């Protein structure tokens, strides 16, 4: 029973945490619409790999490391610069009538959706406070402990929840794919606006 509880807790926290609009799920939507489902899924796997690394580090007690505030103070401005650049390039591509292809205009040297996912996920400053907070809550409630099986089950739930959450955006991207070329200006401008707001 404790294994099922922690599996469901990991799944639910991760799934709900993926649903609010953010850089990563908007990019997964954009990739799915412009490059196809397999490219978007490759991006999502990379995002989840970084997220799982953060989950494991916070489980190991990274929130107690004094330098993690310094780490966040470096990552946060880099994340802001990346979002601003993505917004600008989305607006420029929309203005030129070019098809938005899910990030290659921002990082022309990065053709791989997987590498793009690693980069954007690593620049997301919200991973650490989000997972450190939730892991602390679950430890305080006695749901997470030092038992390896419990932690592995939790990480499995987190993985499944993140992928399920991203699938919502990937399927939405597929739903608009047939109209993507016709309305690429609106997609590009809309995505640019979302990146600017983030």
C-alpha atoms as a PDB file:
ATOM      1  CA  UNK A   1       0.000   0.000   0.000  1.00  0.00           C
ATOM      2  CA  UNK A   2       2.742   2.583   0.764  1.00  0.00           C
ATOM      3  CA  UNK A   3       4.255   1.844  -2.667  1.00  0.00           C
ATOM      4  CA  UNK A   4       0.974   2.520  -4.446  1.00  0.00           C
ATOM      5  CA  UNK A   5       0.460   5.717  -2.441  1.00  0.00           C
ATOM      6  CA  UNK A   6       3.904   7.085  -3.284  1.00  0.00           C
ATOM      7  CA  UNK A   7       3.565   6.043  -6.934  1.00  0.00           C
ATOM      8  CA  UNK A   8       0.256   7.898  -7.217  1.00  0.00           C
ATOM      9  CA  UNK A   9       1.628  10.894  -5.293  1.00  0.00           C
ATOM     10  CA  UNK A  10       4.617  11.174  -7.644  1.00  0.00           C
ATOM     11  CA  UNK A  11       2.374  10.788 -10.689  1.00  0.00           C
ATOM     12  CA  UNK A  12      -0.191  13.357  -9.509  1.00  0.00           C
ATOM     13  CA  UNK A  13       2.354  16.001  -8.426  1.00  0.00           C
ATOM     14  CA  UNK A  14       4.263  15.688 -11.681  1.00  0.00           C
ATOM     15  CA  UNK A  15       1.194  15.558 -13.932  1.00  0.00           C
ATOM     16  CA  UNK A  16      -0.447  18.613 -12.348  1.00  0.00           C
ATOM     17  CA  UNK A  17       2.901  20.441 -12.261  1.00  0.00           C
ATOM     18  CA  UNK A  18       3.258  19.930 -16.021  1.00  0.00           C
ATOM     19  CA  UNK A  19      -0.170  21.310 -16.961  1.00  0.00           C
ATOM     20  CA  UNK A  20       0.193  25.060 -16.270  1.00  0.00           C
ATOM     21  CA  UNK A  21       1.492  26.818 -19.374  1.00  0.00           C
ATOM     22  CA  UNK A  22       5.244  27.132 -19.283  1.00  0.00           C
ATOM     23  CA  UNK A  23       8.237  27.211 -21.588  1.00  0.00           C
ATOM     24  CA  UNK A  24       8.652  23.449 -21.743  1.00  0.00           C
ATOM     25  CA  UNK A  25       5.081  22.390 -22.477  1.00  0.00           C
ATOM     26  CA  UNK A  26       4.574  25.227 -24.988  1.00  0.00           C
ATOM     27  CA  UNK A  27       7.743  24.105 -26.769  1.00  0.00           C
ATOM     28  CA  UNK A  28       6.494  20.490 -26.759  1.00  0.00           C
ATOM     29  CA  UNK A  29       3.233  21.729 -28.316  1.00  0.00           C
ATOM     30  CA  UNK A  30       5.149  23.755 -30.899  1.00  0.00           C
ATOM     31  CA  UNK A  31       7.451  20.864 -31.790  1.00  0.00           C
ATOM     32  CA  UNK A  32       4.516  18.487 -32.123  1.00  0.00           C
ATOM     33  CA  UNK A  33       2.701  20.876 -34.452  1.00  0.00           C
ATOM     34  CA  UNK A  34       5.726  21.835 -36.564  1.00  0.00           C
ATOM     35  CA  UNK A  35       8.047  18.813 -36.579  1.00  0.00           C
ATOM     36  CA  UNK A  36       5.788  15.938 -35.596  1.00  0.00           C
ATOM     37  CA  UNK A  37       5.026  13.730 -32.634  1.00  0.00           C
ATOM     38  CA  UNK A  38       8.333  11.817 -32.589  1.00  0.00           C
ATOM     39  CA  UNK A  39      10.412  15.010 -32.413  1.00  0.00           C
ATOM     40  CA  UNK A  40       8.224  16.349 -29.623  1.00  0.00           C
ATOM     41  CA  UNK A  41       8.492  13.061 -27.743  1.00  0.00           C
ATOM     42  CA  UNK A  42      12.294  13.169 -28.043  1.00  0.00           C
ATOM     43  CA  UNK A  43      12.202  16.685 -26.558  1.00  0.00           C
ATOM     44  CA  UNK A  44       9.941  15.493 -23.710  1.00  0.00           C
ATOM     45  CA  UNK A  45      12.218  12.567 -22.853  1.00  0.00           C
ATOM     46  CA  UNK A  46      15.150  14.999 -22.531  1.00  0.00           C
ATOM     47  CA  UNK A  47      13.095  17.318 -20.321  1.00  0.00           C
ATOM     48  CA  UNK A  48      12.082  14.405 -18.102  1.00  0.00           C
ATOM     49  CA  UNK A  49      15.715  13.201 -17.814  1.00  0.00           C
ATOM     50  CA  UNK A  50      16.750  16.587 -16.403  1.00  0.00           C
ATOM     51  CA  UNK A  51      13.685  16.703 -14.151  1.00  0.00           C
ATOM     52  CA  UNK A  52      14.462  13.252 -12.757  1.00  0.00           C
ATOM     53  CA  UNK A  53      18.042  14.318 -12.034  1.00  0.00           C
ATOM     54  CA  UNK A  54      16.637  17.245 -10.033  1.00  0.00           C
ATOM     55  CA  UNK A  55      14.222  14.939  -8.183  1.00  0.00           C
ATOM     56  CA  UNK A  56      17.034  12.542  -7.269  1.00  0.00           C
ATOM     57  CA  UNK A  57      19.331  15.389  -6.151  1.00  0.00           C
ATOM     58  CA  UNK A  58      16.641  16.945  -3.980  1.00  0.00           C
ATOM     59  CA  UNK A  59      15.883  13.541  -2.499  1.00  0.00           C
ATOM     60  CA  UNK A  60      19.578  13.265  -1.632  1.00  0.00           C
ATOM     61  CA  UNK A  61      19.331  16.553   0.257  1.00  0.00           C
ATOM     62  CA  UNK A  62      20.488  19.195  -2.216  1.00  0.00           C
ATOM     63  CA  UNK A  63      18.151  21.684  -0.494  1.00  0.00           C
ATOM     64  CA  UNK A  64      20.579  21.575   2.441  1.00  0.00           C
ATOM     65  CA  UNK A  65      23.550  22.553   0.290  1.00  0.00           C
ATOM     66  CA  UNK A  66      24.336  26.196   0.940  1.00  0.00           C
ATOM     67  CA  UNK A  67      25.462  26.963  -2.600  1.00  0.00           C
ATOM     68  CA  UNK A  68      22.193  26.045  -4.310  1.00  0.00           C
ATOM     69  CA  UNK A  69      21.018  29.676  -3.944  1.00  0.00           C
ATOM     70  CA  UNK A  70      24.117  30.753  -5.883  1.00  0.00           C
ATOM     71  CA  UNK A  71      23.338  28.125  -8.524  1.00  0.00           C
ATOM     72  CA  UNK A  72      19.782  29.465  -8.884  1.00  0.00           C
ATOM     73  CA  UNK A  73      21.085  33.043  -9.077  1.00  0.00           C
ATOM     74  CA  UNK A  74      23.073  32.033 -12.181  1.00  0.00           C
ATOM     75  CA  UNK A  75      20.421  29.799 -13.799  1.00  0.00           C
ATOM     76  CA  UNK A  76      17.531  32.245 -13.308  1.00  0.00           C
ATOM     77  CA  UNK A  77      19.017  35.107 -15.421  1.00  0.00           C
ATOM     78  CA  UNK A  78      20.099  32.615 -18.108  1.00  0.00           C
ATOM     79  CA  UNK A  79      16.546  31.280 -18.198  1.00  0.00           C
ATOM     80  CA  UNK A  80      15.159  34.805 -18.565  1.00  0.00           C
ATOM     81  CA  UNK A  81      17.559  35.541 -21.446  1.00  0.00           C
ATOM     82  CA  UNK A  82      16.592  32.275 -23.171  1.00  0.00           C
ATOM     83  CA  UNK A  83      12.873  33.120 -22.850  1.00  0.00           C
ATOM     84  CA  UNK A  84      13.389  36.633 -24.213  1.00  0.00           C
ATOM     85  CA  UNK A  85      15.405  35.274 -27.145  1.00  0.00           C
ATOM     86  CA  UNK A  86      12.722  32.660 -27.873  1.00  0.00           C
ATOM     87  CA  UNK A  87      10.043  35.360 -27.798  1.00  0.00           C
ATOM     88  CA  UNK A  88      12.003  37.600 -30.185  1.00  0.00           C
ATOM     89  CA  UNK A  89      12.731  34.794 -32.649  1.00  0.00           C
ATOM     90  CA  UNK A  90       9.117  33.613 -32.570  1.00  0.00           C
ATOM     91  CA  UNK A  91       7.914  37.140 -33.375  1.00  0.00           C
ATOM     92  CA  UNK A  92      10.524  37.567 -36.127  1.00  0.00           C
ATOM     93  CA  UNK A  93       9.635  34.215 -37.694  1.00  0.00           C
ATOM     94  CA  UNK A  94       5.931  35.060 -37.534  1.00  0.00           C
ATOM     95  CA  UNK A  95       6.567  38.451 -39.137  1.00  0.00           C
ATOM     96  CA  UNK A  96       8.580  36.849 -41.944  1.00  0.00           C
ATOM     97  CA  UNK A  97       5.848  34.308 -42.581  1.00  0.00           C
ATOM     98  CA  UNK A  98       8.273  31.495 -41.784  1.00  0.00           C
ATOM     99  CA  UNK A  99       7.118  28.268 -40.253  1.00  0.00           C
ATOM    100  CA  UNK A 100       8.013  28.045 -36.592  1.00  0.00           C
ATOM    101  CA  UNK A 101       9.897  24.813 -36.181  1.00  0.00           C
ATOM    102  CA  UNK A 102      10.079  24.507 -32.441  1.00  0.00           C
ATOM    103  CA  UNK A 103      13.312  26.125 -31.452  1.00  0.00           C
ATOM    104  CA  UNK A 104      15.801  25.798 -34.305  1.00  0.00           C
ATOM    105  CA  UNK A 105      15.482  29.517 -35.075  1.00  0.00           C
ATOM    106  CA  UNK A 106      16.668  30.241 -31.539  1.00  0.00           C
ATOM    107  CA  UNK A 107      19.464  27.692 -31.553  1.00  0.00           C
ATOM    108  CA  UNK A 108      20.293  27.143 -35.257  1.00  0.00           C
ATOM    109  CA  UNK A 109      23.237  24.906 -34.346  1.00  0.00           C
ATOM    110  CA  UNK A 110      20.917  22.580 -32.392  1.00  0.00           C
ATOM    111  CA  UNK A 111      19.002  20.361 -34.779  1.00  0.00           C
ATOM    112  CA  UNK A 112      18.207  17.718 -32.181  1.00  0.00           C
ATOM    113  CA  UNK A 113      14.957  18.089 -30.253  1.00  0.00           C
ATOM    114  CA  UNK A 114      16.523  15.950 -27.514  1.00  0.00           C
ATOM    115  CA  UNK A 115      19.449  18.364 -27.045  1.00  0.00           C
ATOM    116  CA  UNK A 116      17.032  21.309 -27.122  1.00  0.00           C
ATOM    117  CA  UNK A 117      15.016  19.621 -24.370  1.00  0.00           C
ATOM    118  CA  UNK A 118      18.123  19.095 -22.242  1.00  0.00           C
ATOM    119  CA  UNK A 119      19.119  22.748 -22.661  1.00  0.00           C
ATOM    120  CA  UNK A 120      15.721  24.311 -21.953  1.00  0.00           C
ATOM    121  CA  UNK A 121      15.036  21.989 -19.028  1.00  0.00           C
ATOM    122  CA  UNK A 122      18.459  22.685 -17.509  1.00  0.00           C
ATOM    123  CA  UNK A 123      17.753  26.428 -17.763  1.00  0.00           C
ATOM    124  CA  UNK A 124      14.413  26.076 -15.972  1.00  0.00           C
ATOM    125  CA  UNK A 125      14.989  27.580 -12.507  1.00  0.00           C
ATOM    126  CA  UNK A 126      11.664  26.279 -11.173  1.00  0.00           C
ATOM    127  CA  UNK A 127      12.678  22.600 -11.059  1.00  0.00           C
ATOM    128  CA  UNK A 128      14.680  22.923  -7.841  1.00  0.00           C
ATOM    129  CA  UNK A 129      12.251  24.852  -5.626  1.00  0.00           C
ATOM    130  CA  UNK A 130       9.282  22.839  -6.958  1.00  0.00           C
ATOM    131  CA  UNK A 131      10.771  19.409  -6.240  1.00  0.00           C
ATOM    132  CA  UNK A 132      12.600  20.423  -3.055  1.00  0.00           C
ATOM    133  CA  UNK A 133       9.287  21.720  -1.705  1.00  0.00           C
ATOM    134  CA  UNK A 134       7.222  18.682  -2.668  1.00  0.00           C
ATOM    135  CA  UNK A 135       9.869  16.228  -1.517  1.00  0.00           C
ATOM    136  CA  UNK A 136      10.009  18.022   1.839  1.00  0.00           C
ATOM    137  CA  UNK A 137       6.227  17.749   2.192  1.00  0.00           C
ATOM    138  CA  UNK A 138       6.254  14.030   1.377  1.00  0.00           C
ATOM    139  CA  UNK A 139       9.124  13.390   3.818  1.00  0.00           C
ATOM    140  CA  UNK A 140       7.285  15.336   6.553  1.00  0.00           C
ATOM    141  CA  UNK A 141       4.147  13.247   5.932  1.00  0.00           C
ATOM    142  CA  UNK A 142       6.191  10.052   6.198  1.00  0.00           C
ATOM    143  CA  UNK A 143       5.436   8.995   2.619  1.00  0.00           C
ATOM    144  CA  UNK A 144       9.063   9.326   1.478  1.00  0.00           C
ATOM    145  CA  UNK A 145      11.848   7.715   3.450  1.00  0.00           C
ATOM    146  CA  UNK A 146      15.305   6.295   2.929  1.00  0.00           C
ATOM    147  CA  UNK A 147      14.010   2.975   1.614  1.00  0.00           C
ATOM    148  CA  UNK A 148      15.326   2.451  -1.898  1.00  0.00           C
ATOM    149  CA  UNK A 149      12.119   0.796  -3.113  1.00  0.00           C
ATOM    150  CA  UNK A 150       9.979   3.737  -2.004  1.00  0.00           C
ATOM    151  CA  UNK A 151      12.250   6.267  -3.715  1.00  0.00           C
ATOM    152  CA  UNK A 152      12.414   4.236  -6.941  1.00  0.00           C
ATOM    153  CA  UNK A 153       8.623   3.905  -6.958  1.00  0.00           C
ATOM    154  CA  UNK A 154       8.283   7.654  -6.396  1.00  0.00           C
ATOM    155  CA  UNK A 155      10.662   8.452  -9.267  1.00  0.00           C
ATOM    156  CA  UNK A 156       8.717   6.052 -11.515  1.00  0.00           C
ATOM    157  CA  UNK A 157       5.499   7.896 -10.632  1.00  0.00           C
ATOM    158  CA  UNK A 158       7.145  11.254 -11.354  1.00  0.00           C
ATOM    159  CA  UNK A 159       8.347   9.975 -14.737  1.00  0.00           C
ATOM    160  CA  UNK A 160       4.916   8.671 -15.737  1.00  0.00           C
ATOM    161  CA  UNK A 161       3.188  11.852 -14.538  1.00  0.00           C
ATOM    162  CA  UNK A 162       5.525  14.173 -16.454  1.00  0.00           C
ATOM    163  CA  UNK A 163       5.168  12.215 -19.673  1.00  0.00           C
ATOM    164  CA  UNK A 164       1.374  12.085 -19.286  1.00  0.00           C
ATOM    165  CA  UNK A 165       1.244  15.851 -18.739  1.00  0.00           C
ATOM    166  CA  UNK A 166       3.379  16.568 -21.797  1.00  0.00           C
ATOM    167  CA  UNK A 167       1.288  14.181 -23.899  1.00  0.00           C
ATOM    168  CA  UNK A 168      -1.660  16.545 -23.422  1.00  0.00           C
ATOM    169  CA  UNK A 169       0.310  19.306 -25.172  1.00  0.00           C
ATOM    170  CA  UNK A 170       1.784  16.982 -27.791  1.00  0.00           C
ATOM    171  CA  UNK A 171      -1.664  15.714 -28.815  1.00  0.00           C
ATOM    172  CA  UNK A 172      -2.930  19.303 -28.888  1.00  0.00           C
ATOM    173  CA  UNK A 173      -0.028  20.159 -31.199  1.00  0.00           C
ATOM    174  CA  UNK A 174      -0.943  17.247 -33.442  1.00  0.00           C
ATOM    175  CA  UNK A 175      -4.562  18.424 -33.532  1.00  0.00           C
ATOM    176  CA  UNK A 176      -3.543  21.794 -34.988  1.00  0.00           C
ATOM    177  CA  UNK A 177      -0.810  20.416 -37.255  1.00  0.00           C
ATOM    178  CA  UNK A 178      -3.084  20.159 -40.286  1.00  0.00           C
ATOM    179  CA  UNK A 179      -3.769  23.897 -40.050  1.00  0.00           C
ATOM    180  CA  UNK A 180      -0.261  24.881 -38.974  1.00  0.00           C
ATOM    181  CA  UNK A 181       1.025  26.222 -42.302  1.00  0.00           C
ATOM    182  CA  UNK A 182      -2.158  28.175 -42.907  1.00  0.00           C
ATOM    183  CA  UNK A 183      -2.055  29.842 -39.500  1.00  0.00           C
ATOM    184  CA  UNK A 184       1.710  29.824 -38.829  1.00  0.00           C
ATOM    185  CA  UNK A 185       1.721  33.601 -38.256  1.00  0.00           C
ATOM    186  CA  UNK A 186      -0.807  33.293 -35.423  1.00  0.00           C
ATOM    187  CA  UNK A 187       1.006  30.292 -33.905  1.00  0.00           C
ATOM    188  CA  UNK A 188       4.330  32.102 -34.067  1.00  0.00           C
ATOM    189  CA  UNK A 189       2.951  35.322 -32.600  1.00  0.00           C
ATOM    190  CA  UNK A 190       1.018  33.427 -29.918  1.00  0.00           C
ATOM    191  CA  UNK A 191       4.012  31.349 -28.887  1.00  0.00           C
ATOM    192  CA  UNK A 192       6.197  34.468 -28.874  1.00  0.00           C
ATOM    193  CA  UNK A 193       3.711  36.223 -26.619  1.00  0.00           C
ATOM    194  CA  UNK A 194       3.640  33.252 -24.219  1.00  0.00           C
ATOM    195  CA  UNK A 195       7.452  33.173 -24.031  1.00  0.00           C
ATOM    196  CA  UNK A 196       7.480  36.933 -23.373  1.00  0.00           C
ATOM    197  CA  UNK A 197       4.921  36.574 -20.552  1.00  0.00           C
ATOM    198  CA  UNK A 198       6.916  33.710 -18.981  1.00  0.00           C
END
